[in-house]
Amino acid sequence: MEWQKKYLLPGIDPNTYAPTRDNWGP
């Protein structure tokens, strides 16, 4: 799911982003 870091809403820090099956995005 790490591919999502490339498409995060501006303002979301990709360094602290930790997506899971039930909680990810925006």
PDB file of all heavy atoms in Angstrom:
ATOM      1  N   MET A   1       0.819  -1.225   0.000  1.00  0.00           N
ATOM      2  CA  MET A   1       0.000   0.000   0.000  1.00  0.00           C
ATOM      3  C   MET A   1       0.846   1.266   0.000  1.00  0.00           C
ATOM      4  O   MET A   1       0.318   2.364  -0.055  1.00  0.00           O
ATOM      5  CB  MET A   1      -0.955  -0.011   1.194  1.00  0.00           C
ATOM      6  CG  MET A   1      -2.006  -1.098   1.103  1.00  0.00           C
ATOM      7  SD  MET A   1      -3.132  -1.129   2.507  1.00  0.00           S
ATOM      8  CE  MET A   1      -4.279   0.149   2.028  1.00  0.00           C
ATOM      9  N   GLU A   2       2.156   1.104   0.034  1.00  0.00           N
ATOM     10  CA  GLU A   2       3.057   2.259   0.065  1.00  0.00           C
ATOM     11  C   GLU A   2       2.932   3.140  -1.183  1.00  0.00           C
ATOM     12  O   GLU A   2       3.278   4.304  -1.157  1.00  0.00           O
ATOM     13  CB  GLU A   2       4.508   1.793   0.228  1.00  0.00           C
ATOM     14  CG  GLU A   2       4.788   1.142   1.579  1.00  0.00           C
ATOM     15  CD  GLU A   2       4.633   2.121   2.738  1.00  0.00           C
ATOM     16  OE1 GLU A   2       5.174   3.235   2.654  1.00  0.00           O
ATOM     17  OE2 GLU A   2       3.950   1.767   3.715  1.00  0.00           O
ATOM     18  N   TRP A   3       2.441   2.597  -2.297  1.00  0.00           N
ATOM     19  CA  TRP A   3       2.262   3.381  -3.526  1.00  0.00           C
ATOM     20  C   TRP A   3       1.370   4.594  -3.279  1.00  0.00           C
ATOM     21  O   TRP A   3       1.464   5.598  -3.988  1.00  0.00           O
ATOM     22  CB  TRP A   3       1.666   2.527  -4.650  1.00  0.00           C
ATOM     23  CG  TRP A   3       0.271   2.046  -4.361  1.00  0.00           C
ATOM     24  CD1 TRP A   3      -0.082   0.871  -3.788  1.00  0.00           C
ATOM     25  CD2 TRP A   3      -0.949   2.749  -4.605  1.00  0.00           C
ATOM     26  NE1 TRP A   3      -1.443   0.787  -3.658  1.00  0.00           N
ATOM     27  CE2 TRP A   3      -2.005   1.930  -4.154  1.00  0.00           C
ATOM     28  CE3 TRP A   3      -1.255   3.982  -5.157  1.00  0.00           C
ATOM     29  CZ2 TRP A   3      -3.340   2.312  -4.246  1.00  0.00           C
ATOM     30  CZ3 TRP A   3      -2.591   4.369  -5.245  1.00  0.00           C
ATOM     31  CH2 TRP A   3      -3.614   3.530  -4.796  1.00  0.00           C
ATOM     32  N   GLN A   4       0.501   4.525  -2.273  1.00  0.00           N
ATOM     33  CA  GLN A   4      -0.452   5.597  -2.008  1.00  0.00           C
ATOM     34  C   GLN A   4       0.227   6.915  -1.639  1.00  0.00           C
ATOM     35  O   GLN A   4      -0.334   7.976  -1.880  1.00  0.00           O
ATOM     36  CB  GLN A   4      -1.404   5.188  -0.879  1.00  0.00           C
ATOM     37  CG  GLN A   4      -2.309   4.046  -1.245  1.00  0.00           C
ATOM     38  CD  GLN A   4      -3.253   3.689  -0.114  1.00  0.00           C
ATOM     39  OE1 GLN A   4      -3.226   4.282   0.964  1.00  0.00           O
ATOM     40  NE2 GLN A   4      -4.094   2.702  -0.354  1.00  0.00           N
ATOM     41  N   LYS A   5       1.427   6.851  -1.085  1.00  0.00           N
ATOM     42  CA  LYS A   5       2.122   8.073  -0.661  1.00  0.00           C
ATOM     43  C   LYS A   5       2.284   9.062  -1.805  1.00  0.00           C
ATOM     44  O   LYS A   5       2.299  10.264  -1.596  1.00  0.00           O
ATOM     45  CB  LYS A   5       3.487   7.724  -0.063  1.00  0.00           C
ATOM     46  CG  LYS A   5       3.384   7.006   1.259  1.00  0.00           C
ATOM     47  CD  LYS A   5       4.753   6.685   1.824  1.00  0.00           C
ATOM     48  CE  LYS A   5       4.596   5.993   3.166  1.00  0.00           C
ATOM     49  NZ  LYS A   5       5.877   5.718   3.801  1.00  0.00           N
ATOM     50  N   LYS A   6       2.373   8.567  -3.008  1.00  0.00           N
ATOM     51  CA  LYS A   6       2.564   9.406  -4.193  1.00  0.00           C
ATOM     52  C   LYS A   6       1.307  10.216  -4.536  1.00  0.00           C
ATOM     53  O   LYS A   6       1.380  11.237  -5.207  1.00  0.00           O
ATOM     54  CB  LYS A   6       2.949   8.493  -5.360  1.00  0.00           C
ATOM     55  CG  LYS A   6       3.318   9.165  -6.627  1.00  0.00           C
ATOM     56  CD  LYS A   6       3.800   8.120  -7.623  1.00  0.00           C
ATOM     57  CE  LYS A   6       4.011   8.691  -8.982  1.00  0.00           C
ATOM     58  NZ  LYS A   6       4.405   7.666  -9.955  1.00  0.00           N
ATOM     59  N   TYR A   7       0.131   9.766  -4.061  1.00  0.00           N
ATOM     60  CA  TYR A   7      -1.140  10.380  -4.448  1.00  0.00           C
ATOM     61  C   TYR A   7      -1.902  11.012  -3.285  1.00  0.00           C
ATOM     62  O   TYR A   7      -3.090  11.286  -3.406  1.00  0.00           O
ATOM     63  CB  TYR A   7      -2.022   9.330  -5.135  1.00  0.00           C
ATOM     64  CG  TYR A   7      -1.343   8.731  -6.332  1.00  0.00           C
ATOM     65  CD1 TYR A   7      -0.739   7.480  -6.259  1.00  0.00           C
ATOM     66  CD2 TYR A   7      -1.259   9.428  -7.532  1.00  0.00           C
ATOM     67  CE1 TYR A   7      -0.098   6.927  -7.354  1.00  0.00           C
ATOM     68  CE2 TYR A   7      -0.619   8.886  -8.631  1.00  0.00           C
ATOM     69  CZ  TYR A   7      -0.036   7.641  -8.530  1.00  0.00           C
ATOM     70  OH  TYR A   7       0.612   7.108  -9.612  1.00  0.00           O
ATOM     71  N   LEU A   8      -1.203  11.248  -2.176  1.00  0.00           N
ATOM     72  CA  LEU A   8      -1.862  11.826  -1.002  1.00  0.00           C
ATOM     73  C   LEU A   8      -2.347  13.242  -1.273  1.00  0.00           C
ATOM     74  O   LEU A   8      -1.744  13.987  -2.046  1.00  0.00           O
ATOM     75  CB  LEU A   8      -0.899  11.834   0.182  1.00  0.00           C
ATOM     76  CG  LEU A   8      -0.610  10.477   0.813  1.00  0.00           C
ATOM     77  CD1 LEU A   8       0.530  10.585   1.809  1.00  0.00           C
ATOM     78  CD2 LEU A   8      -1.859   9.914   1.463  1.00  0.00           C
ATOM     79  N   LEU A   9      -3.430  13.593  -0.604  1.00  0.00           N
ATOM     80  CA  LEU A   9      -3.949  14.948  -0.655  1.00  0.00           C
ATOM     81  C   LEU A   9      -2.862  15.900  -0.167  1.00  0.00           C
ATOM     82  O   LEU A   9      -2.181  15.591   0.817  1.00  0.00           O
ATOM     83  CB  LEU A   9      -5.187  15.043   0.242  1.00  0.00           C
ATOM     84  CG  LEU A   9      -6.030  16.297   0.161  1.00  0.00           C
ATOM     85  CD1 LEU A   9      -6.727  16.374  -1.193  1.00  0.00           C
ATOM     86  CD2 LEU A   9      -7.078  16.286   1.265  1.00  0.00           C
ATOM     87  N   PRO A  10      -2.657  17.030  -0.836  1.00  0.00           N
ATOM     88  CA  PRO A  10      -1.639  17.980  -0.354  1.00  0.00           C
ATOM     89  C   PRO A  10      -1.869  18.330   1.118  1.00  0.00           C
ATOM     90  O   PRO A  10      -3.001  18.499   1.561  1.00  0.00           O
ATOM     91  CB  PRO A  10      -1.846  19.202  -1.254  1.00  0.00           C
ATOM     92  CG  PRO A  10      -2.460  18.650  -2.496  1.00  0.00           C
ATOM     93  CD  PRO A  10      -3.322  17.503  -2.046  1.00  0.00           C
ATOM     94  N   GLY A  11      -0.785  18.397   1.856  1.00  0.00           N
ATOM     95  CA  GLY A  11      -0.854  18.694   3.280  1.00  0.00           C
ATOM     96  C   GLY A  11      -0.703  17.460   4.154  1.00  0.00           C
ATOM     97  O   GLY A  11      -0.492  17.578   5.354  1.00  0.00           O
ATOM     98  N   ILE A  12      -0.821  16.266   3.586  1.00  0.00           N
ATOM     99  CA  ILE A  12      -0.626  15.027   4.332  1.00  0.00           C
ATOM    100  C   ILE A  12       0.853  14.661   4.217  1.00  0.00           C
ATOM    101  O   ILE A  12       1.399  14.601   3.116  1.00  0.00           O
ATOM    102  CB  ILE A  12      -1.491  13.872   3.779  1.00  0.00           C
ATOM    103  CG1 ILE A  12      -2.959  14.261   3.702  1.00  0.00           C
ATOM    104  CG2 ILE A  12      -1.278  12.603   4.594  1.00  0.00           C
ATOM    105  CD1 ILE A  12      -3.639  14.466   5.016  1.00  0.00           C
ATOM    106  N   ASP A  13       1.497  14.421   5.344  1.00  0.00           N
ATOM    107  CA  ASP A  13       2.924  14.113   5.353  1.00  0.00           C
ATOM    108  C   ASP A  13       3.150  12.649   4.972  1.00  0.00           C
ATOM    109  O   ASP A  13       2.759  11.745   5.717  1.00  0.00           O
ATOM    110  CB  ASP A  13       3.502  14.386   6.742  1.00  0.00           C
ATOM    111  CG  ASP A  13       4.996  14.147   6.824  1.00  0.00           C
ATOM    112  OD1 ASP A  13       5.631  13.881   5.777  1.00  0.00           O
ATOM    113  OD2 ASP A  13       5.538  14.229   7.944  1.00  0.00           O
ATOM    114  N   PRO A  14       3.792  12.393   3.816  1.00  0.00           N
ATOM    115  CA  PRO A  14       4.035  11.013   3.409  1.00  0.00           C
ATOM    116  C   PRO A  14       4.967  10.253   4.354  1.00  0.00           C
ATOM    117  O   PRO A  14       4.930   9.026   4.413  1.00  0.00           O
ATOM    118  CB  PRO A  14       4.658  11.123   2.017  1.00  0.00           C
ATOM    119  CG  PRO A  14       4.839  12.554   1.733  1.00  0.00           C
ATOM    120  CD  PRO A  14       4.250  13.355   2.839  1.00  0.00           C
ATOM    121  N   ASN A  15       5.786  10.976   5.110  1.00  0.00           N
ATOM    122  CA  ASN A  15       6.724  10.318   6.031  1.00  0.00           C
ATOM    123  C   ASN A  15       6.016   9.691   7.228  1.00  0.00           C
ATOM    124  O   ASN A  15       6.529   8.744   7.822  1.00  0.00           O
ATOM    125  CB  ASN A  15       7.786  11.303   6.503  1.00  0.00           C
ATOM    126  CG  ASN A  15       8.633  11.792   5.352  1.00  0.00           C
ATOM    127  OD1 ASN A  15       9.007  11.021   4.465  1.00  0.00           O
ATOM    128  ND2 ASN A  15       8.911  13.084   5.333  1.00  0.00           N
ATOM    129  N   THR A  16       4.863  10.214   7.602  1.00  0.00           N
ATOM    130  CA  THR A  16       4.125   9.664   8.742  1.00  0.00           C
ATOM    131  C   THR A  16       2.883   8.881   8.307  1.00  0.00           C
ATOM    132  O   THR A  16       2.182   8.332   9.141  1.00  0.00           O
ATOM    133  CB  THR A  16       3.689  10.793   9.699  1.00  0.00           C
ATOM    134  OG1 THR A  16       2.847  11.709   8.988  1.00  0.00           O
ATOM    135  CG2 THR A  16       4.901  11.506  10.271  1.00  0.00           C
ATOM    136  N   TYR A  17       2.625   8.849   7.004  1.00  0.00           N
ATOM    137  CA  TYR A  17       1.443   8.153   6.473  1.00  0.00           C
ATOM    138  C   TYR A  17       1.625   6.644   6.606  1.00  0.00           C
ATOM    139  O   TYR A  17       2.613   6.082   6.159  1.00  0.00           O
ATOM    140  CB  TYR A  17       1.241   8.540   5.008  1.00  0.00           C
ATOM    141  CG  TYR A  17       0.047   7.888   4.356  1.00  0.00           C
ATOM    142  CD1 TYR A  17      -1.251   8.218   4.742  1.00  0.00           C
ATOM    143  CD2 TYR A  17       0.214   6.951   3.352  1.00  0.00           C
ATOM    144  CE1 TYR A  17      -2.341   7.623   4.147  1.00  0.00           C
ATOM    145  CE2 TYR A  17      -0.877   6.354   2.738  1.00  0.00           C
ATOM    146  CZ  TYR A  17      -2.147   6.699   3.142  1.00  0.00           C
ATOM    147  OH  TYR A  17      -3.237   6.107   2.539  1.00  0.00           O
ATOM    148  N   ALA A  18       0.660   5.983   7.252  1.00  0.00           N
ATOM    149  CA  ALA A  18       0.725   4.538   7.471  1.00  0.00           C
ATOM    150  C   ALA A  18      -0.632   3.922   7.111  1.00  0.00           C
ATOM    151  O   ALA A  18      -1.476   3.690   7.976  1.00  0.00           O
ATOM    152  CB  ALA A  18       1.086   4.243   8.917  1.00  0.00           C
ATOM    153  N   PRO A  19      -0.863   3.635   5.823  1.00  0.00           N
ATOM    154  CA  PRO A  19      -2.168   3.107   5.415  1.00  0.00           C
ATOM    155  C   PRO A  19      -2.387   1.677   5.896  1.00  0.00           C
ATOM    156  O   PRO A  19      -1.448   0.902   6.037  1.00  0.00           O
ATOM    157  CB  PRO A  19      -2.088   3.152   3.887  1.00  0.00           C
ATOM    158  CG  PRO A  19      -0.631   3.009   3.589  1.00  0.00           C
ATOM    159  CD  PRO A  19       0.080   3.723   4.704  1.00  0.00           C
ATOM    160  N   THR A  20      -3.642   1.366   6.170  1.00  0.00           N
ATOM    161  CA  THR A  20      -4.037   0.002   6.507  1.00  0.00           C
ATOM    162  C   THR A  20      -5.216  -0.376   5.614  1.00  0.00           C
ATOM    163  O   THR A  20      -5.749   0.467   4.888  1.00  0.00           O
ATOM    164  CB  THR A  20      -4.449  -0.111   7.983  1.00  0.00           C
ATOM    165  OG1 THR A  20      -5.637   0.674   8.190  1.00  0.00           O
ATOM    166  CG2 THR A  20      -3.342   0.337   8.913  1.00  0.00           C
ATOM    167  N   ARG A  21      -5.644  -1.615   5.691  1.00  0.00           N
ATOM    168  CA  ARG A  21      -6.763  -2.067   4.867  1.00  0.00           C
ATOM    169  C   ARG A  21      -8.026  -1.252   5.155  1.00  0.00           C
ATOM    170  O   ARG A  21      -8.776  -0.912   4.241  1.00  0.00           O
ATOM    171  CB  ARG A  21      -7.026  -3.549   5.134  1.00  0.00           C
ATOM    172  CG  ARG A  21      -8.137  -4.107   4.243  1.00  0.00           C
ATOM    173  CD  ARG A  21      -8.667  -5.450   4.724  1.00  0.00           C
ATOM    174  NE  ARG A  21      -9.185  -5.320   6.065  1.00  0.00           N
ATOM    175  CZ  ARG A  21      -8.858  -6.124   7.073  1.00  0.00           C
ATOM    176  NH1 ARG A  21      -8.034  -7.114   6.898  1.00  0.00           N
ATOM    177  NH2 ARG A  21      -9.368  -5.941   8.271  1.00  0.00           N
ATOM    178  N   ASP A  22      -8.260  -0.919   6.413  1.00  0.00           N
ATOM    179  CA  ASP A  22      -9.508  -0.269   6.800  1.00  0.00           C
ATOM    180  C   ASP A  22      -9.404   1.243   6.959  1.00  0.00           C
ATOM    181  O   ASP A  22     -10.422   1.906   7.172  1.00  0.00           O
ATOM    182  CB  ASP A  22      -9.998  -0.863   8.123  1.00  0.00           C
ATOM    183  CG  ASP A  22     -10.297  -2.354   8.014  1.00  0.00           C
ATOM    184  OD1 ASP A  22     -10.543  -2.836   6.889  1.00  0.00           O
ATOM    185  OD2 ASP A  22     -10.269  -3.032   9.047  1.00  0.00           O
ATOM    186  N   ASN A  23      -8.203   1.792   6.890  1.00  0.00           N
ATOM    187  CA  ASN A  23      -7.984   3.235   7.084  1.00  0.00           C
ATOM    188  C   ASN A  23      -6.851   3.687   6.179  1.00  0.00           C
ATOM    189  O   ASN A  23      -5.691   3.327   6.410  1.00  0.00           O
ATOM    190  CB  ASN A  23      -7.629   3.536   8.546  1.00  0.00           C
ATOM    191  CG  ASN A  23      -8.770   3.228   9.483  1.00  0.00           C
ATOM    192  OD1 ASN A  23      -9.728   3.975   9.583  1.00  0.00           O
ATOM    193  ND2 ASN A  23      -8.686   2.086  10.152  1.00  0.00           N
ATOM    194  N   TRP A  24      -7.185   4.457   5.158  1.00  0.00           N
ATOM    195  CA  TRP A  24      -6.171   4.982   4.253  1.00  0.00           C
ATOM    196  C   TRP A  24      -6.683   6.268   3.606  1.00  0.00           C
ATOM    197  O   TRP A  24      -7.841   6.596   3.671  1.00  0.00           O
ATOM    198  CB  TRP A  24      -5.761   3.966   3.182  1.00  0.00           C
ATOM    199  CG  TRP A  24      -6.890   3.291   2.458  1.00  0.00           C
ATOM    200  CD1 TRP A  24      -7.408   2.060   2.733  1.00  0.00           C
ATOM    201  CD2 TRP A  24      -7.636   3.795   1.348  1.00  0.00           C
ATOM    202  NE1 TRP A  24      -8.429   1.771   1.862  1.00  0.00           N
ATOM    203  CE2 TRP A  24      -8.582   2.820   0.999  1.00  0.00           C
ATOM    204  CE3 TRP A  24      -7.599   4.963   0.608  1.00  0.00           C
ATOM    205  CZ2 TRP A  24      -9.485   2.983  -0.054  1.00  0.00           C
ATOM    206  CZ3 TRP A  24      -8.500   5.130  -0.441  1.00  0.00           C
ATOM    207  CH2 TRP A  24      -9.415   4.148  -0.755  1.00  0.00           C
ATOM    208  N   GLY A  25      -5.764   6.991   2.995  1.00  0.00           N
ATOM    209  CA  GLY A  25      -6.108   8.225   2.299  1.00  0.00           C
ATOM    210  C   GLY A  25      -6.076   9.415   3.227  1.00  0.00           C
ATOM    211  O   GLY A  25      -5.613   9.327   4.362  1.00  0.00           O
ATOM    212  N   PRO A  26      -6.520  10.545   2.746  1.00  0.00           N
ATOM    213  CA  PRO A  26      -7.180  10.796   1.477  1.00  0.00           C
ATOM    214  C   PRO A  26      -6.193  10.825   0.302  1.00  0.00           C
ATOM    215  O   PRO A  26      -5.111  11.383   0.395  1.00  0.00           O
ATOM    216  CB  PRO A  26      -7.838  12.162   1.664  1.00  0.00           C
ATOM    217  CG  PRO A  26      -7.049  12.822   2.742  1.00  0.00           C
ATOM    218  CD  PRO A  26      -6.491  11.733   3.603  1.00  0.00           C
TER     219      PRO A  26
END
